Amino acid sequence: RCRMCSIAGLLPAEEELSTEQVYRVID
């Protein structure tokens, strides 16, 4: 939890992209 960072915990883990979604972005 770094003093200058606002990203940590910004959105819950259940909203993350799935592996397959990341693969599609890579494609």
PDB file of all heavy atoms in Angstrom:
ATOM      1  N   ARG A   1       0.862  -1.177   0.000  1.00  0.00           N
ATOM      2  CA  ARG A   1       0.000   0.000   0.000  1.00  0.00           C
ATOM      3  C   ARG A   1       0.902   1.232   0.000  1.00  0.00           C
ATOM      4  O   ARG A   1       1.163   1.853   1.023  1.00  0.00           O
ATOM      5  CB  ARG A   1      -0.936   0.011   1.223  1.00  0.00           C
ATOM      6  CG  ARG A   1      -2.034  -1.032   1.166  1.00  0.00           C
ATOM      7  CD  ARG A   1      -2.993  -0.796   0.006  1.00  0.00           C
ATOM      8  NE  ARG A   1      -4.082  -1.769  -0.036  1.00  0.00           N
ATOM      9  CZ  ARG A   1      -4.030  -2.906  -0.722  1.00  0.00           C
ATOM     10  NH1 ARG A   1      -2.927  -3.214  -1.387  1.00  0.00           N
ATOM     11  NH2 ARG A   1      -5.065  -3.715  -0.735  1.00  0.00           N
ATOM     12  N   CYS A   2       1.405   1.577  -1.178  1.00  0.00           N
ATOM     13  CA  CYS A   2       2.377   2.661  -1.297  1.00  0.00           C
ATOM     14  C   CYS A   2       1.704   4.021  -1.128  1.00  0.00           C
ATOM     15  O   CYS A   2       0.568   4.220  -1.559  1.00  0.00           O
ATOM     16  CB  CYS A   2       3.075   2.585  -2.655  1.00  0.00           C
ATOM     17  SG  CYS A   2       3.916   1.005  -2.927  1.00  0.00           S
ATOM     18  N   ARG A   3       2.414   4.945  -0.504  1.00  0.00           N
ATOM     19  CA  ARG A   3       1.863   6.251  -0.161  1.00  0.00           C
ATOM     20  C   ARG A   3       1.402   7.046  -1.375  1.00  0.00           C
ATOM     21  O   ARG A   3       0.465   7.845  -1.280  1.00  0.00           O
ATOM     22  CB  ARG A   3       2.914   7.073   0.595  1.00  0.00           C
ATOM     23  CG  ARG A   3       3.232   6.557   1.989  1.00  0.00           C
ATOM     24  CD  ARG A   3       4.378   7.351   2.604  1.00  0.00           C
ATOM     25  NE  ARG A   3       4.718   6.857   3.927  1.00  0.00           N
ATOM     26  CZ  ARG A   3       4.297   7.379   5.074  1.00  0.00           C
ATOM     27  NH1 ARG A   3       3.492   8.438   5.038  1.00  0.00           N
ATOM     28  NH2 ARG A   3       4.657   6.875   6.225  1.00  0.00           N
ATOM     29  N   MET A   4       2.068   6.868  -2.529  1.00  0.00           N
ATOM     30  CA  MET A   4       1.788   7.708  -3.692  1.00  0.00           C
ATOM     31  C   MET A   4       0.917   7.013  -4.725  1.00  0.00           C
ATOM     32  O   MET A   4       0.724   7.523  -5.827  1.00  0.00           O
ATOM     33  CB  MET A   4       3.102   8.157  -4.359  1.00  0.00           C
ATOM     34  CG  MET A   4       3.950   7.041  -4.938  1.00  0.00           C
ATOM     35  SD  MET A   4       4.599   5.909  -3.684  1.00  0.00           S
ATOM     36  CE  MET A   4       5.685   4.872  -4.643  1.00  0.00           C
ATOM     37  N   CYS A   5       0.370   5.852  -4.394  1.00  0.00           N
ATOM     38  CA  CYS A   5      -0.384   5.052  -5.369  1.00  0.00           C
ATOM     39  C   CYS A   5      -1.864   4.995  -5.019  1.00  0.00           C
ATOM     40  O   CYS A   5      -2.234   4.742  -3.871  1.00  0.00           O
ATOM     41  CB  CYS A   5       0.186   3.635  -5.435  1.00  0.00           C
ATOM     42  SG  CYS A   5      -0.663   2.563  -6.614  1.00  0.00           S
ATOM     43  N   SER A   6      -2.699   5.180  -6.041  1.00  0.00           N
ATOM     44  CA  SER A   6      -4.158   5.114  -5.858  1.00  0.00           C
ATOM     45  C   SER A   6      -4.771   3.871  -6.497  1.00  0.00           C
ATOM     46  O   SER A   6      -5.986   3.702  -6.493  1.00  0.00           O
ATOM     47  CB  SER A   6      -4.810   6.358  -6.476  1.00  0.00           C
ATOM     48  OG  SER A   6      -4.285   7.534  -5.933  1.00  0.00           O
ATOM     49  N   ILE A   7      -3.929   3.001  -7.058  1.00  0.00           N
ATOM     50  CA  ILE A   7      -4.442   1.882  -7.846  1.00  0.00           C
ATOM     51  C   ILE A   7      -4.833   0.687  -6.986  1.00  0.00           C
ATOM     52  O   ILE A   7      -5.846   0.026  -7.247  1.00  0.00           O
ATOM     53  CB  ILE A   7      -3.404   1.460  -8.909  1.00  0.00           C
ATOM     54  CG1 ILE A   7      -3.286   2.555  -9.972  1.00  0.00           C
ATOM     55  CG2 ILE A   7      -3.781   0.133  -9.541  1.00  0.00           C
ATOM     56  CD1 ILE A   7      -2.236   2.286 -11.024  1.00  0.00           C
ATOM     57  N   ALA A   8      -4.036   0.391  -5.965  1.00  0.00           N
ATOM     58  CA  ALA A   8      -4.265  -0.810  -5.162  1.00  0.00           C
ATOM     59  C   ALA A   8      -5.689  -0.853  -4.607  1.00  0.00           C
ATOM     60  O   ALA A   8      -6.144   0.075  -3.953  1.00  0.00           O
ATOM     61  CB  ALA A   8      -3.262  -0.872  -4.018  1.00  0.00           C
ATOM     62  N   GLY A   9      -6.396  -1.923  -4.934  1.00  0.00           N
ATOM     63  CA  GLY A   9      -7.754  -2.105  -4.443  1.00  0.00           C
ATOM     64  C   GLY A   9      -8.794  -1.237  -5.120  1.00  0.00           C
ATOM     65  O   GLY A   9      -9.924  -1.133  -4.638  1.00  0.00           O
ATOM     66  N   LEU A  10      -8.422  -0.637  -6.257  1.00  0.00           N
ATOM     67  CA  LEU A  10      -9.337   0.271  -6.946  1.00  0.00           C
ATOM     68  C   LEU A  10     -10.627  -0.425  -7.353  1.00  0.00           C
ATOM     69  O   LEU A  10     -11.724   0.136  -7.225  1.00  0.00           O
ATOM     70  CB  LEU A  10      -8.638   0.850  -8.188  1.00  0.00           C
ATOM     71  CG  LEU A  10      -9.373   1.942  -8.962  1.00  0.00           C
ATOM     72  CD1 LEU A  10      -9.539   3.190  -8.102  1.00  0.00           C
ATOM     73  CD2 LEU A  10      -8.608   2.283 -10.237  1.00  0.00           C
ATOM     74  N   LEU A  11     -10.509  -1.673  -7.861  1.00  0.00           N
ATOM     75  CA  LEU A  11     -11.673  -2.481  -8.219  1.00  0.00           C
ATOM     76  C   LEU A  11     -11.493  -3.876  -7.640  1.00  0.00           C
ATOM     77  O   LEU A  11     -10.365  -4.350  -7.486  1.00  0.00           O
ATOM     78  CB  LEU A  11     -11.837  -2.565  -9.742  1.00  0.00           C
ATOM     79  CG  LEU A  11     -12.259  -1.276 -10.466  1.00  0.00           C
ATOM     80  CD1 LEU A  11     -12.256  -1.498 -11.967  1.00  0.00           C
ATOM     81  CD2 LEU A  11     -13.628  -0.814 -10.002  1.00  0.00           C
ATOM     82  N   PRO A  12     -12.569  -4.578  -7.322  1.00  0.00           N
ATOM     83  CA  PRO A  12     -12.465  -5.912  -6.721  1.00  0.00           C
ATOM     84  C   PRO A  12     -11.930  -6.956  -7.702  1.00  0.00           C
ATOM     85  O   PRO A  12     -12.045  -6.797  -8.923  1.00  0.00           O
ATOM     86  CB  PRO A  12     -13.906  -6.227  -6.317  1.00  0.00           C
ATOM     87  CG  PRO A  12     -14.757  -5.380  -7.197  1.00  0.00           C
ATOM     88  CD  PRO A  12     -13.972  -4.126  -7.435  1.00  0.00           C
ATOM     89  N   ALA A  13     -11.346  -8.017  -7.164  1.00  0.00           N
ATOM     90  CA  ALA A  13     -10.728  -9.065  -7.976  1.00  0.00           C
ATOM     91  C   ALA A  13     -11.717  -9.720  -8.936  1.00  0.00           C
ATOM     92  O   ALA A  13     -11.345 -10.148 -10.028  1.00  0.00           O
ATOM     93  CB  ALA A  13     -10.091 -10.113  -7.069  1.00  0.00           C
ATOM     94  N   GLU A  14     -12.988  -9.788  -8.534  1.00  0.00           N
ATOM     95  CA  GLU A  14     -13.974 -10.453  -9.391  1.00  0.00           C
ATOM     96  C   GLU A  14     -14.256  -9.698 -10.682  1.00  0.00           C
ATOM     97  O   GLU A  14     -14.905 -10.221 -11.587  1.00  0.00           O
ATOM     98  CB  GLU A  14     -15.275 -10.693  -8.628  1.00  0.00           C
ATOM     99  CG  GLU A  14     -15.903  -9.467  -8.013  1.00  0.00           C
ATOM    100  CD  GLU A  14     -15.515  -9.272  -6.571  1.00  0.00           C
ATOM    101  OE1 GLU A  14     -14.422  -9.751  -6.172  1.00  0.00           O
ATOM    102  OE2 GLU A  14     -16.294  -8.647  -5.833  1.00  0.00           O
ATOM    103  N   GLU A  15     -13.773  -8.469 -10.801  1.00  0.00           N
ATOM    104  CA  GLU A  15     -13.966  -7.703 -12.033  1.00  0.00           C
ATOM    105  C   GLU A  15     -12.806  -7.857 -13.013  1.00  0.00           C
ATOM    106  O   GLU A  15     -12.844  -7.334 -14.127  1.00  0.00           O
ATOM    107  CB  GLU A  15     -14.160  -6.216 -11.712  1.00  0.00           C
ATOM    108  CG  GLU A  15     -15.464  -5.924 -10.993  1.00  0.00           C
ATOM    109  CD  GLU A  15     -15.823  -4.451 -11.022  1.00  0.00           C
ATOM    110  OE1 GLU A  15     -15.251  -3.712 -11.840  1.00  0.00           O
ATOM    111  OE2 GLU A  15     -16.687  -4.041 -10.227  1.00  0.00           O
ATOM    112  N   GLU A  16     -11.760  -8.566 -12.614  1.00  0.00           N
ATOM    113  CA  GLU A  16     -10.591  -8.719 -13.482  1.00  0.00           C
ATOM    114  C   GLU A  16     -10.938  -9.458 -14.769  1.00  0.00           C
ATOM    115  O   GLU A  16     -11.868 -10.271 -14.823  1.00  0.00           O
ATOM    116  CB  GLU A  16      -9.502  -9.507 -12.745  1.00  0.00           C
ATOM    117  CG  GLU A  16      -8.896  -8.772 -11.575  1.00  0.00           C
ATOM    118  CD  GLU A  16      -7.916  -9.625 -10.790  1.00  0.00           C
ATOM    119  OE1 GLU A  16      -7.575 -10.742 -11.260  1.00  0.00           O
ATOM    120  OE2 GLU A  16      -7.509  -9.170  -9.711  1.00  0.00           O
ATOM    121  N   LEU A  17     -10.152  -9.201 -15.807  1.00  0.00           N
ATOM    122  CA  LEU A  17     -10.311  -9.919 -17.061  1.00  0.00           C
ATOM    123  C   LEU A  17      -9.895 -11.372 -16.873  1.00  0.00           C
ATOM    124  O   LEU A  17      -8.932 -11.672 -16.169  1.00  0.00           O
ATOM    125  CB  LEU A  17      -9.462  -9.278 -18.158  1.00  0.00           C
ATOM    126  CG  LEU A  17      -9.732  -7.807 -18.482  1.00  0.00           C
ATOM    127  CD1 LEU A  17      -8.796  -7.332 -19.585  1.00  0.00           C
ATOM    128  CD2 LEU A  17     -11.184  -7.589 -18.876  1.00  0.00           C
ATOM    129  N   SER A  18     -10.605 -12.280 -17.519  1.00  0.00           N
ATOM    130  CA  SER A  18     -10.243 -13.691 -17.464  1.00  0.00           C
ATOM    131  C   SER A  18      -9.007 -13.935 -18.333  1.00  0.00           C
ATOM    132  O   SER A  18      -8.613 -13.086 -19.146  1.00  0.00           O
ATOM    133  CB  SER A  18     -11.398 -14.555 -17.987  1.00  0.00           C
ATOM    134  OG  SER A  18     -11.585 -14.329 -19.383  1.00  0.00           O
ATOM    135  N   THR A  19      -8.409 -15.109 -18.172  1.00  0.00           N
ATOM    136  CA  THR A  19      -7.259 -15.477 -18.998  1.00  0.00           C
ATOM    137  C   THR A  19      -7.624 -15.418 -20.474  1.00  0.00           C
ATOM    138  O   THR A  19      -6.867 -14.896 -21.299  1.00  0.00           O
ATOM    139  CB  THR A  19      -6.778 -16.896 -18.644  1.00  0.00           C
ATOM    140  OG1 THR A  19      -6.567 -16.998 -17.241  1.00  0.00           O
ATOM    141  CG2 THR A  19      -5.499 -17.229 -19.386  1.00  0.00           C
ATOM    142  N   GLU A  20      -8.781 -15.948 -20.816  1.00  0.00           N
ATOM    143  CA  GLU A  20      -9.218 -15.981 -22.221  1.00  0.00           C
ATOM    144  C   GLU A  20      -9.424 -14.573 -22.769  1.00  0.00           C
ATOM    145  O   GLU A  20      -9.104 -14.303 -23.942  1.00  0.00           O
ATOM    146  CB  GLU A  20     -10.507 -16.793 -22.343  1.00  0.00           C
ATOM    147  CG  GLU A  20     -10.347 -18.282 -22.110  1.00  0.00           C
ATOM    148  CD  GLU A  20     -10.060 -18.641 -20.654  1.00  0.00           C
ATOM    149  OE1 GLU A  20     -10.453 -17.850 -19.753  1.00  0.00           O
ATOM    150  OE2 GLU A  20      -9.436 -19.696 -20.420  1.00  0.00           O
ATOM    151  N   GLN A  21      -9.925 -13.660 -21.940  1.00  0.00           N
ATOM    152  CA  GLN A  21     -10.087 -12.282 -22.390  1.00  0.00           C
ATOM    153  C   GLN A  21      -8.736 -11.625 -22.653  1.00  0.00           C
ATOM    154  O   GLN A  21      -8.571 -10.891 -23.635  1.00  0.00           O
ATOM    155  CB  GLN A  21     -10.862 -11.473 -21.345  1.00  0.00           C
ATOM    156  CG  GLN A  21     -12.359 -11.766 -21.322  1.00  0.00           C
ATOM    157  CD  GLN A  21     -13.054 -10.961 -20.235  1.00  0.00           C
ATOM    158  OE1 GLN A  21     -12.714 -11.063 -19.058  1.00  0.00           O
ATOM    159  NE2 GLN A  21     -14.032 -10.150 -20.632  1.00  0.00           N
ATOM    160  N   VAL A  22      -7.767 -11.905 -21.782  1.00  0.00           N
ATOM    161  CA  VAL A  22      -6.425 -11.366 -21.994  1.00  0.00           C
ATOM    162  C   VAL A  22      -5.828 -11.933 -23.281  1.00  0.00           C
ATOM    163  O   VAL A  22      -5.189 -11.208 -24.060  1.00  0.00           O
ATOM    164  CB  VAL A  22      -5.516 -11.665 -20.787  1.00  0.00           C
ATOM    165  CG1 VAL A  22      -4.089 -11.185 -21.059  1.00  0.00           C
ATOM    166  CG2 VAL A  22      -6.051 -10.995 -19.529  1.00  0.00           C
ATOM    167  N   TYR A  23      -6.049 -13.220 -23.527  1.00  0.00           N
ATOM    168  CA  TYR A  23      -5.564 -13.820 -24.777  1.00  0.00           C
ATOM    169  C   TYR A  23      -6.146 -13.106 -25.994  1.00  0.00           C
ATOM    170  O   TYR A  23      -5.447 -12.873 -26.989  1.00  0.00           O
ATOM    171  CB  TYR A  23      -5.955 -15.304 -24.838  1.00  0.00           C
ATOM    172  CG  TYR A  23      -5.191 -16.225 -23.923  1.00  0.00           C
ATOM    173  CD1 TYR A  23      -5.580 -17.558 -23.774  1.00  0.00           C
ATOM    174  CD2 TYR A  23      -4.079 -15.787 -23.202  1.00  0.00           C
ATOM    175  CE1 TYR A  23      -4.895 -18.428 -22.942  1.00  0.00           C
ATOM    176  CE2 TYR A  23      -3.394 -16.647 -22.363  1.00  0.00           C
ATOM    177  CZ  TYR A  23      -3.805 -17.964 -22.240  1.00  0.00           C
ATOM    178  OH  TYR A  23      -3.126 -18.830 -21.417  1.00  0.00           O
ATOM    179  N   ARG A  24      -7.426 -12.767 -25.934  1.00  0.00           N
ATOM    180  CA  ARG A  24      -8.053 -12.079 -27.066  1.00  0.00           C
ATOM    181  C   ARG A  24      -7.436 -10.697 -27.285  1.00  0.00           C
ATOM    182  O   ARG A  24      -7.249 -10.272 -28.425  1.00  0.00           O
ATOM    183  CB  ARG A  24      -9.565 -11.963 -26.849  1.00  0.00           C
ATOM    184  CG  ARG A  24     -10.307 -13.290 -26.966  1.00  0.00           C
ATOM    185  CD  ARG A  24     -11.790 -13.080 -27.273  1.00  0.00           C
ATOM    186  NE  ARG A  24     -12.486 -12.366 -26.215  1.00  0.00           N
ATOM    187  CZ  ARG A  24     -13.035 -12.947 -25.150  1.00  0.00           C
ATOM    188  NH1 ARG A  24     -12.947 -14.277 -25.012  1.00  0.00           N
ATOM    189  NH2 ARG A  24     -13.677 -12.234 -24.249  1.00  0.00           N
ATOM    190  N   VAL A  25      -7.119 -10.018 -26.183  1.00  0.00           N
ATOM    191  CA  VAL A  25      -6.442  -8.721 -26.314  1.00  0.00           C
ATOM    192  C   VAL A  25      -5.069  -8.912 -26.973  1.00  0.00           C
ATOM    193  O   VAL A  25      -4.672  -8.131 -27.842  1.00  0.00           O
ATOM    194  CB  VAL A  25      -6.282  -8.039 -24.940  1.00  0.00           C
ATOM    195  CG1 VAL A  25      -5.459  -6.758 -25.071  1.00  0.00           C
ATOM    196  CG2 VAL A  25      -7.644  -7.714 -24.330  1.00  0.00           C
ATOM    197  N   ILE A  26      -4.366  -9.955 -26.575  1.00  0.00           N
ATOM    198  CA  ILE A  26      -3.055 -10.248 -27.161  1.00  0.00           C
ATOM    199  C   ILE A  26      -3.186 -10.533 -28.652  1.00  0.00           C
ATOM    200  O   ILE A  26      -2.392 -10.053 -29.472  1.00  0.00           O
ATOM    201  CB  ILE A  26      -2.391 -11.428 -26.436  1.00  0.00           C
ATOM    202  CG1 ILE A  26      -2.008 -11.014 -25.010  1.00  0.00           C
ATOM    203  CG2 ILE A  26      -1.161 -11.925 -27.191  1.00  0.00           C
ATOM    204  CD1 ILE A  26      -1.569 -12.152 -24.123  1.00  0.00           C
ATOM    205  N   ASP A  27      -4.188 -11.316 -29.026  1.00  0.00           N
ATOM    206  CA  ASP A  27      -4.439 -11.586 -30.449  1.00  0.00           C
ATOM    207  C   ASP A  27      -4.650 -10.280 -31.214  1.00  0.00           C
ATOM    208  O   ASP A  27      -4.114 -10.092 -32.314  1.00  0.00           O
ATOM    209  CB  ASP A  27      -5.664 -12.483 -30.610  1.00  0.00           C
ATOM    210  CG  ASP A  27      -5.415 -13.927 -30.189  1.00  0.00           C
ATOM    211  OD1 ASP A  27      -4.241 -14.341 -30.191  1.00  0.00           O
ATOM    212  OD2 ASP A  27      -6.397 -14.626 -29.871  1.00  0.00           O
TER     213      ASP A  27
END
